N, C-alpha and C. Protein backbone atom coordinates (compact mmCIF):
# COMPACT_ATOMS: atom_id res chain seq x y z
N MET A 1 0.88 -1.15 0.03
CA MET A 1 -0.01 0.00 0.02
C MET A 1 0.91 1.20 -0.02
N LYS A 2 0.50 2.15 -0.83
CA LYS A 2 1.36 3.40 -0.97
C LYS A 2 0.52 4.62 -1.09
N ILE A 3 0.77 5.62 -0.24
CA ILE A 3 0.00 6.89 -0.30
C ILE A 3 0.32 7.63 -1.60
N LEU A 4 -0.56 8.29 -2.19
CA LEU A 4 -0.43 9.06 -3.45
C LEU A 4 0.56 10.11 -3.23
N SER A 5 1.61 10.11 -4.05
CA SER A 5 2.71 11.06 -3.98
C SER A 5 2.35 12.44 -4.61
N GLU A 6 2.66 13.47 -3.91
CA GLU A 6 2.39 14.84 -4.37
C GLU A 6 3.13 15.14 -5.73
N ASN A 7 4.41 14.63 -5.77
CA ASN A 7 5.15 14.80 -6.98
C ASN A 7 4.57 14.07 -8.14
N LEU A 8 4.08 12.90 -7.89
CA LEU A 8 3.42 12.11 -8.96
C LEU A 8 2.18 12.91 -9.49
N VAL A 9 1.35 13.42 -8.57
CA VAL A 9 0.24 14.07 -8.91
C VAL A 9 0.49 15.37 -9.66
N ASN A 10 1.50 16.10 -9.26
CA ASN A 10 1.96 17.32 -9.86
C ASN A 10 2.47 17.05 -11.24
N THR A 11 3.21 16.04 -11.41
CA THR A 11 3.78 15.70 -12.71
C THR A 11 2.59 15.41 -13.68
N ILE A 12 1.64 14.60 -13.21
CA ILE A 12 0.56 14.27 -14.06
C ILE A 12 -0.30 15.56 -14.47
N GLN A 13 -0.43 16.46 -13.50
CA GLN A 13 -1.13 17.73 -13.77
C GLN A 13 -0.37 18.52 -14.87
N ILE A 14 0.95 18.55 -14.78
CA ILE A 14 1.70 19.30 -15.82
C ILE A 14 1.54 18.58 -17.23
N LEU A 15 1.59 17.28 -17.19
CA LEU A 15 1.50 16.57 -18.47
C LEU A 15 0.09 16.43 -19.05
N SER A 16 -0.87 16.79 -18.20
CA SER A 16 -2.27 16.70 -18.63
C SER A 16 -2.72 17.69 -19.68
N ASP A 17 -1.83 18.63 -20.00
CA ASP A 17 -2.24 19.57 -21.11
C ASP A 17 -2.00 18.93 -22.47
N LEU A 18 -1.48 17.67 -22.41
CA LEU A 18 -1.17 16.88 -23.61
C LEU A 18 -0.23 17.56 -24.63
N ASN A 19 0.73 18.30 -23.95
CA ASN A 19 1.85 18.86 -24.72
C ASN A 19 3.15 18.18 -24.17
N TYR A 20 4.20 18.31 -24.93
CA TYR A 20 5.57 17.77 -24.53
C TYR A 20 6.15 18.76 -23.43
N HIS A 21 6.70 18.10 -22.43
CA HIS A 21 7.43 18.85 -21.34
C HIS A 21 8.70 18.04 -21.00
N ASP A 22 9.81 18.76 -21.03
CA ASP A 22 11.05 18.04 -20.84
C ASP A 22 11.28 17.91 -19.22
N GLY A 23 12.13 16.93 -18.87
CA GLY A 23 12.41 16.62 -17.53
C GLY A 23 12.91 17.71 -16.74
N ASP A 24 13.81 18.59 -17.33
CA ASP A 24 14.34 19.76 -16.61
C ASP A 24 13.23 20.67 -16.18
N SER A 25 12.34 21.09 -17.12
CA SER A 25 11.39 22.07 -16.77
C SER A 25 10.30 21.52 -15.77
N ILE A 26 10.04 20.22 -15.93
CA ILE A 26 9.07 19.57 -14.93
C ILE A 26 9.80 19.64 -13.60
N GLY A 27 11.08 19.25 -13.57
CA GLY A 27 11.85 19.18 -12.30
C GLY A 27 11.95 20.56 -11.70
N LYS A 28 12.19 21.60 -12.40
CA LYS A 28 12.28 22.98 -11.86
C LYS A 28 10.98 23.47 -11.30
N SER A 29 9.89 23.12 -12.00
CA SER A 29 8.58 23.61 -11.46
C SER A 29 8.14 22.83 -10.20
N LEU A 30 8.60 21.64 -9.99
CA LEU A 30 8.27 20.85 -8.83
C LEU A 30 9.36 20.88 -7.74
N GLY A 31 10.50 21.48 -8.03
CA GLY A 31 11.62 21.50 -7.09
C GLY A 31 12.24 20.10 -6.90
N ILE A 32 12.28 19.38 -7.95
CA ILE A 32 12.97 18.04 -7.84
C ILE A 32 13.93 17.92 -9.08
N THR A 33 14.78 16.88 -8.95
CA THR A 33 15.72 16.69 -10.09
C THR A 33 15.09 16.10 -11.30
N ARG A 34 15.85 16.19 -12.40
CA ARG A 34 15.35 15.53 -13.62
C ARG A 34 15.37 13.98 -13.46
N SER A 35 16.26 13.55 -12.70
CA SER A 35 16.21 12.07 -12.39
C SER A 35 14.98 11.58 -11.62
N ALA A 36 14.59 12.46 -10.72
CA ALA A 36 13.26 12.18 -9.98
C ALA A 36 12.04 12.21 -10.89
N VAL A 37 12.13 13.12 -11.84
CA VAL A 37 11.00 13.19 -12.87
C VAL A 37 11.10 11.87 -13.69
N TRP A 38 12.27 11.46 -14.10
CA TRP A 38 12.37 10.21 -14.89
C TRP A 38 11.80 9.00 -14.11
N LYS A 39 12.05 8.97 -12.79
CA LYS A 39 11.60 7.91 -12.01
C LYS A 39 10.06 7.89 -11.88
N ILE A 40 9.50 9.08 -11.88
CA ILE A 40 8.02 9.23 -11.85
C ILE A 40 7.41 8.76 -13.17
N ILE A 41 8.08 9.13 -14.27
CA ILE A 41 7.67 8.75 -15.67
C ILE A 41 7.72 7.16 -15.67
N LYS A 42 8.78 6.59 -15.21
CA LYS A 42 8.91 5.09 -15.26
C LYS A 42 7.79 4.38 -14.41
N LYS A 43 7.52 4.99 -13.26
CA LYS A 43 6.45 4.48 -12.39
C LYS A 43 5.12 4.54 -13.08
N LEU A 44 4.87 5.62 -13.77
CA LEU A 44 3.54 5.70 -14.54
C LEU A 44 3.49 4.70 -15.62
N GLU A 45 4.67 4.55 -16.34
CA GLU A 45 4.69 3.54 -17.40
C GLU A 45 4.45 2.14 -16.84
N ASN A 46 5.03 1.87 -15.64
CA ASN A 46 4.83 0.54 -15.00
C ASN A 46 3.33 0.35 -14.67
N TYR A 47 2.63 1.45 -14.45
CA TYR A 47 1.17 1.29 -14.15
C TYR A 47 0.35 1.16 -15.46
N GLY A 48 1.00 1.18 -16.61
CA GLY A 48 0.33 0.99 -17.84
C GLY A 48 0.00 2.33 -18.52
N ILE A 49 0.45 3.45 -18.05
CA ILE A 49 0.17 4.73 -18.63
C ILE A 49 1.04 4.97 -19.91
N LYS A 50 0.49 5.29 -21.02
CA LYS A 50 1.23 5.48 -22.18
C LYS A 50 1.81 6.88 -22.30
N ILE A 51 3.15 6.90 -22.29
CA ILE A 51 3.81 8.24 -22.34
C ILE A 51 4.89 8.17 -23.47
N ASN A 52 4.69 9.13 -24.37
CA ASN A 52 5.66 9.28 -25.44
C ASN A 52 6.86 10.05 -24.85
N SER A 53 8.06 9.62 -25.28
CA SER A 53 9.28 10.23 -24.84
C SER A 53 10.18 10.50 -26.05
N ILE A 54 10.43 11.82 -26.28
CA ILE A 54 11.33 12.14 -27.40
C ILE A 54 12.45 12.93 -26.75
N GLN A 55 13.68 12.56 -27.11
CA GLN A 55 14.81 13.15 -26.46
C GLN A 55 14.87 14.70 -26.49
N SER A 56 14.62 15.29 -27.62
CA SER A 56 14.76 16.75 -27.67
C SER A 56 13.41 17.45 -27.21
N LYS A 57 12.30 16.71 -27.09
CA LYS A 57 11.07 17.35 -26.76
C LYS A 57 10.62 17.07 -25.29
N GLY A 58 10.81 15.87 -24.83
CA GLY A 58 10.38 15.55 -23.43
C GLY A 58 9.33 14.49 -23.40
N TYR A 59 8.42 14.61 -22.56
CA TYR A 59 7.38 13.62 -22.28
C TYR A 59 6.01 14.10 -22.56
N LEU A 60 5.22 13.15 -23.15
CA LEU A 60 3.80 13.54 -23.51
C LEU A 60 2.90 12.37 -23.16
N LEU A 61 1.87 12.74 -22.41
CA LEU A 61 0.85 11.72 -22.05
C LEU A 61 0.03 11.47 -23.36
N GLU A 62 -0.29 10.19 -23.64
CA GLU A 62 -1.13 9.90 -24.84
C GLU A 62 -2.60 10.23 -24.54
N GLN A 63 -2.97 10.14 -23.24
CA GLN A 63 -4.37 10.42 -22.87
C GLN A 63 -4.33 11.24 -21.62
N LYS A 64 -5.30 12.12 -21.54
CA LYS A 64 -5.36 12.96 -20.30
C LYS A 64 -5.79 12.06 -19.09
N LEU A 65 -5.10 12.25 -17.97
CA LEU A 65 -5.53 11.59 -16.77
C LEU A 65 -6.17 12.53 -15.74
N THR A 66 -7.25 12.13 -15.09
CA THR A 66 -7.80 12.87 -14.05
C THR A 66 -7.71 12.03 -12.86
N LEU A 67 -6.90 12.47 -11.87
CA LEU A 67 -6.63 11.63 -10.67
C LEU A 67 -7.72 11.91 -9.59
N LEU A 68 -7.74 11.05 -8.63
CA LEU A 68 -8.63 11.20 -7.54
C LEU A 68 -8.16 12.46 -6.72
N ASP A 69 -9.10 13.28 -6.20
CA ASP A 69 -8.77 14.40 -5.47
C ASP A 69 -9.61 14.40 -4.06
N LYS A 70 -8.84 14.10 -3.08
CA LYS A 70 -9.47 13.93 -1.73
C LYS A 70 -10.31 15.12 -1.36
N ASN A 71 -9.81 16.40 -1.55
CA ASN A 71 -10.57 17.59 -1.16
C ASN A 71 -11.86 17.78 -1.97
N TYR A 72 -11.81 17.51 -3.24
CA TYR A 72 -12.98 17.60 -4.07
C TYR A 72 -14.10 16.61 -3.69
N ILE A 73 -13.64 15.35 -3.41
CA ILE A 73 -14.54 14.30 -3.00
C ILE A 73 -15.14 14.57 -1.57
N LYS A 74 -14.28 15.10 -0.73
CA LYS A 74 -14.69 15.46 0.64
C LYS A 74 -15.81 16.51 0.64
N LYS A 75 -15.57 17.51 -0.17
CA LYS A 75 -16.64 18.62 -0.24
C LYS A 75 -17.96 18.02 -0.70
N ALA A 76 -17.98 17.04 -1.61
CA ALA A 76 -19.22 16.48 -2.07
C ALA A 76 -19.94 15.68 -0.97
N ILE A 77 -19.20 15.07 -0.03
CA ILE A 77 -19.84 14.33 1.00
C ILE A 77 -19.59 14.86 2.40
N ASP A 78 -19.29 16.08 2.51
CA ASP A 78 -18.84 16.69 3.77
C ASP A 78 -19.83 16.46 4.90
N LYS A 79 -21.05 16.52 4.67
CA LYS A 79 -22.07 16.40 5.80
C LYS A 79 -22.18 14.98 6.29
N LEU A 80 -21.58 14.00 5.66
CA LEU A 80 -21.75 12.58 5.99
C LEU A 80 -20.74 12.06 7.05
N ASP A 81 -19.73 12.86 7.36
CA ASP A 81 -18.73 12.50 8.36
C ASP A 81 -18.09 11.16 8.06
N ILE A 82 -17.49 11.06 6.86
CA ILE A 82 -16.87 9.85 6.32
C ILE A 82 -15.42 10.28 6.11
N GLN A 83 -14.45 9.48 6.54
CA GLN A 83 -13.06 9.69 6.23
C GLN A 83 -12.76 9.08 4.87
N ILE A 84 -12.06 9.83 4.07
CA ILE A 84 -11.62 9.38 2.75
C ILE A 84 -10.15 9.12 2.74
N GLU A 85 -9.80 7.92 2.30
CA GLU A 85 -8.32 7.57 2.18
C GLU A 85 -8.10 7.22 0.74
N ILE A 86 -7.08 7.90 0.12
CA ILE A 86 -6.74 7.72 -1.28
C ILE A 86 -5.33 7.20 -1.31
N PHE A 87 -5.10 6.04 -2.00
CA PHE A 87 -3.82 5.52 -2.09
C PHE A 87 -3.36 5.49 -3.53
N GLU A 88 -2.05 5.68 -3.75
CA GLU A 88 -1.48 5.48 -5.13
C GLU A 88 -1.69 4.04 -5.58
N THR A 89 -1.28 3.10 -4.73
CA THR A 89 -1.39 1.67 -5.02
C THR A 89 -1.72 0.91 -3.74
N ILE A 90 -2.50 -0.11 -3.84
CA ILE A 90 -2.87 -0.97 -2.71
C ILE A 90 -3.19 -2.31 -3.24
N ASP A 91 -3.08 -3.39 -2.42
CA ASP A 91 -3.40 -4.70 -2.94
C ASP A 91 -4.92 -4.74 -3.18
N SER A 92 -5.74 -4.38 -2.19
CA SER A 92 -7.22 -4.49 -2.37
C SER A 92 -7.83 -3.44 -1.46
N THR A 93 -8.65 -2.57 -1.94
CA THR A 93 -9.36 -1.63 -1.12
C THR A 93 -10.32 -2.34 -0.17
N ASN A 94 -10.95 -3.47 -0.63
CA ASN A 94 -11.88 -4.18 0.20
C ASN A 94 -11.12 -4.73 1.38
N ASP A 95 -9.93 -5.42 1.11
CA ASP A 95 -9.21 -5.98 2.21
C ASP A 95 -8.71 -4.98 3.17
N TYR A 96 -8.38 -3.86 2.70
CA TYR A 96 -7.88 -2.76 3.60
C TYR A 96 -8.96 -2.42 4.64
N LEU A 97 -10.21 -2.20 4.15
CA LEU A 97 -11.29 -1.86 5.07
C LEU A 97 -11.66 -3.06 6.02
N LYS A 98 -11.58 -4.24 5.44
CA LYS A 98 -11.98 -5.39 6.27
C LYS A 98 -10.97 -5.60 7.36
N ASN A 99 -9.68 -5.31 7.12
CA ASN A 99 -8.67 -5.51 8.09
C ASN A 99 -8.62 -4.38 9.16
N LEU A 100 -9.33 -3.38 9.00
CA LEU A 100 -9.38 -2.36 10.14
C LEU A 100 -10.03 -2.90 11.39
N GLY A 101 -10.92 -3.81 11.24
CA GLY A 101 -11.48 -4.43 12.37
C GLY A 101 -12.69 -3.65 12.87
N LYS A 102 -13.46 -4.29 13.72
CA LYS A 102 -14.69 -3.71 14.35
C LYS A 102 -14.34 -2.66 15.43
N SER A 103 -13.08 -2.64 15.82
CA SER A 103 -12.78 -1.66 16.94
C SER A 103 -12.61 -0.21 16.36
N ASP A 104 -12.44 -0.12 15.05
CA ASP A 104 -12.25 1.24 14.50
C ASP A 104 -13.63 1.78 14.22
N PRO A 105 -13.91 2.95 14.94
CA PRO A 105 -15.38 3.45 14.89
C PRO A 105 -15.63 4.38 13.71
N ILE A 106 -14.67 4.53 12.84
CA ILE A 106 -14.76 5.63 11.74
C ILE A 106 -15.39 4.99 10.48
N SER A 107 -16.29 5.69 9.88
CA SER A 107 -16.81 5.31 8.59
C SER A 107 -15.77 5.77 7.58
N ARG A 108 -15.54 5.01 6.56
CA ARG A 108 -14.48 5.31 5.61
C ARG A 108 -14.81 4.96 4.13
N ILE A 109 -14.19 5.68 3.22
CA ILE A 109 -14.19 5.31 1.83
C ILE A 109 -12.70 5.17 1.47
N CYS A 110 -12.39 4.05 0.89
CA CYS A 110 -11.00 3.79 0.52
C CYS A 110 -10.99 3.76 -0.99
N ILE A 111 -10.10 4.58 -1.59
CA ILE A 111 -9.98 4.66 -3.02
C ILE A 111 -8.53 4.57 -3.43
N ALA A 112 -8.29 3.97 -4.58
CA ALA A 112 -6.88 3.78 -4.99
C ALA A 112 -6.76 3.98 -6.51
N GLU A 113 -5.68 4.54 -6.94
CA GLU A 113 -5.43 4.76 -8.36
C GLU A 113 -5.17 3.42 -9.01
N HIS A 114 -4.58 2.47 -8.25
CA HIS A 114 -4.26 1.17 -8.80
C HIS A 114 -4.42 0.14 -7.66
N GLN A 115 -4.91 -1.06 -8.05
CA GLN A 115 -5.06 -2.13 -7.12
C GLN A 115 -4.38 -3.36 -7.72
N SER A 116 -3.52 -4.00 -6.98
CA SER A 116 -2.72 -5.07 -7.52
C SER A 116 -3.46 -6.42 -7.33
N LYS A 117 -4.31 -6.44 -6.36
CA LYS A 117 -5.16 -7.79 -6.15
C LYS A 117 -6.63 -7.43 -6.08
N ALA A 118 -7.12 -6.60 -7.02
CA ALA A 118 -8.54 -6.27 -7.07
C ALA A 118 -9.43 -7.52 -7.31
N ARG A 119 -10.51 -7.49 -6.65
CA ARG A 119 -11.44 -8.65 -6.87
C ARG A 119 -12.89 -8.21 -6.61
N GLY A 120 -13.79 -8.85 -7.18
CA GLY A 120 -15.17 -8.48 -7.12
C GLY A 120 -16.02 -9.59 -6.46
N ARG A 121 -17.18 -9.68 -6.91
CA ARG A 121 -18.15 -10.67 -6.31
C ARG A 121 -17.63 -12.08 -6.64
N ARG A 122 -17.91 -13.01 -5.77
CA ARG A 122 -17.41 -14.37 -5.83
C ARG A 122 -15.92 -14.48 -5.94
N LEU A 123 -15.22 -13.46 -5.37
CA LEU A 123 -13.74 -13.44 -5.37
C LEU A 123 -13.09 -13.46 -6.71
N ARG A 124 -13.81 -13.02 -7.69
CA ARG A 124 -13.23 -12.94 -9.05
C ARG A 124 -12.26 -11.79 -9.16
N ASN A 125 -11.09 -12.07 -9.67
CA ASN A 125 -10.05 -11.06 -9.81
C ASN A 125 -10.32 -10.23 -11.08
N TRP A 126 -9.92 -8.98 -11.06
CA TRP A 126 -10.00 -8.20 -12.28
C TRP A 126 -8.80 -7.21 -12.23
N HIS A 127 -8.51 -6.69 -13.36
CA HIS A 127 -7.34 -5.76 -13.57
C HIS A 127 -7.91 -4.34 -13.23
N ALA A 128 -7.31 -3.66 -12.29
CA ALA A 128 -7.68 -2.29 -11.97
C ALA A 128 -6.49 -1.42 -12.38
N PRO A 129 -6.45 -0.93 -13.64
CA PRO A 129 -5.35 -0.10 -14.16
C PRO A 129 -5.23 1.29 -13.56
N PHE A 130 -4.03 1.78 -13.48
CA PHE A 130 -3.75 3.13 -12.82
C PHE A 130 -4.42 4.21 -13.51
N GLY A 131 -5.20 5.01 -12.76
CA GLY A 131 -5.78 6.30 -13.23
C GLY A 131 -6.89 6.10 -14.32
N GLN A 132 -7.50 4.94 -14.46
CA GLN A 132 -8.43 4.74 -15.51
C GLN A 132 -9.90 4.56 -15.00
N ASN A 133 -10.07 4.01 -13.89
CA ASN A 133 -11.48 3.76 -13.41
C ASN A 133 -11.57 4.07 -11.98
N LEU A 134 -12.80 4.03 -11.47
CA LEU A 134 -13.00 4.29 -10.10
C LEU A 134 -13.74 3.16 -9.36
N TYR A 135 -13.02 2.48 -8.47
CA TYR A 135 -13.62 1.35 -7.74
C TYR A 135 -13.38 1.71 -6.30
N PHE A 136 -14.35 1.58 -5.45
CA PHE A 136 -14.11 1.81 -4.04
C PHE A 136 -15.19 1.19 -3.18
N PRO A 137 -14.75 0.65 -2.04
CA PRO A 137 -15.63 0.19 -0.99
C PRO A 137 -15.89 1.24 0.04
N MET A 138 -16.96 1.20 0.70
CA MET A 138 -17.29 2.17 1.77
C MET A 138 -17.56 1.32 3.03
N LEU A 139 -17.00 1.75 4.09
CA LEU A 139 -17.27 1.07 5.49
C LEU A 139 -18.10 2.11 6.18
N ILE A 140 -19.34 1.84 6.40
CA ILE A 140 -20.23 2.73 7.09
C ILE A 140 -20.49 2.18 8.55
N ARG A 141 -20.06 3.00 9.49
CA ARG A 141 -20.31 2.55 10.88
C ARG A 141 -21.62 3.14 11.31
N THR A 142 -22.46 2.24 11.81
CA THR A 142 -23.80 2.69 12.31
C THR A 142 -23.67 3.08 13.75
N ILE A 143 -24.68 3.99 14.15
CA ILE A 143 -24.63 4.51 15.53
C ILE A 143 -25.52 3.60 16.41
N ARG A 144 -26.69 3.26 15.92
CA ARG A 144 -27.64 2.46 16.78
C ARG A 144 -27.53 1.00 16.71
N MET A 145 -26.78 0.50 15.75
CA MET A 145 -26.65 -0.99 15.63
C MET A 145 -25.15 -1.29 15.84
N SER A 146 -24.91 -2.50 16.35
CA SER A 146 -23.50 -2.80 16.51
C SER A 146 -22.86 -3.39 15.21
N ALA A 147 -23.78 -3.71 14.29
CA ALA A 147 -23.30 -4.28 12.99
C ALA A 147 -22.68 -3.20 12.16
N ASN A 148 -21.74 -3.58 11.37
CA ASN A 148 -21.14 -2.65 10.38
C ASN A 148 -21.54 -3.01 8.93
N LEU A 149 -21.61 -2.10 8.11
CA LEU A 149 -21.98 -2.33 6.73
C LEU A 149 -20.93 -1.99 5.82
N LEU A 150 -20.53 -2.98 5.02
CA LEU A 150 -19.48 -2.78 4.03
C LEU A 150 -20.20 -2.75 2.63
N VAL A 151 -20.19 -1.53 2.07
CA VAL A 151 -20.87 -1.38 0.81
C VAL A 151 -19.88 -1.28 -0.33
N CYS A 152 -20.03 -2.07 -1.33
CA CYS A 152 -19.11 -2.03 -2.42
C CYS A 152 -19.91 -1.62 -3.68
N LEU A 153 -19.41 -0.58 -4.42
CA LEU A 153 -20.11 -0.21 -5.61
C LEU A 153 -19.29 -0.58 -6.84
N TRP A 154 -19.89 -1.41 -7.64
CA TRP A 154 -19.22 -1.86 -8.89
C TRP A 154 -19.87 -1.22 -10.03
């Protein structure tokens, strides 16, 4: 499980205009080295994101990516008192919430850009590619009942 990196998010935001950007200019705008930018690009490629790379031009996303935004989501459900957790990668959002246990009193939504062991009904596995779809379970803690409700939206 890995928390979503600010540098990864900012790199994607820069590249989301679908123009070429060289590693030096991305690095300068983020306050990181060109090597760090290259590592972020390689990470995105490992997630299956198509990035064109031309030595004299830089990097270009083949498709625009819109990443999960905790603050935007939180504003939409602010009155519900639900904690939102967003991960860059996680084995399974469902497993994460199940493993919190009944002693955790907080209602939560767990969202990830990538899941390595995603599965659905009847424990069927599926591929959850980086930055392409939205899958998330919600763990709603009830006040009057001792039972907890795990809601999965597919």
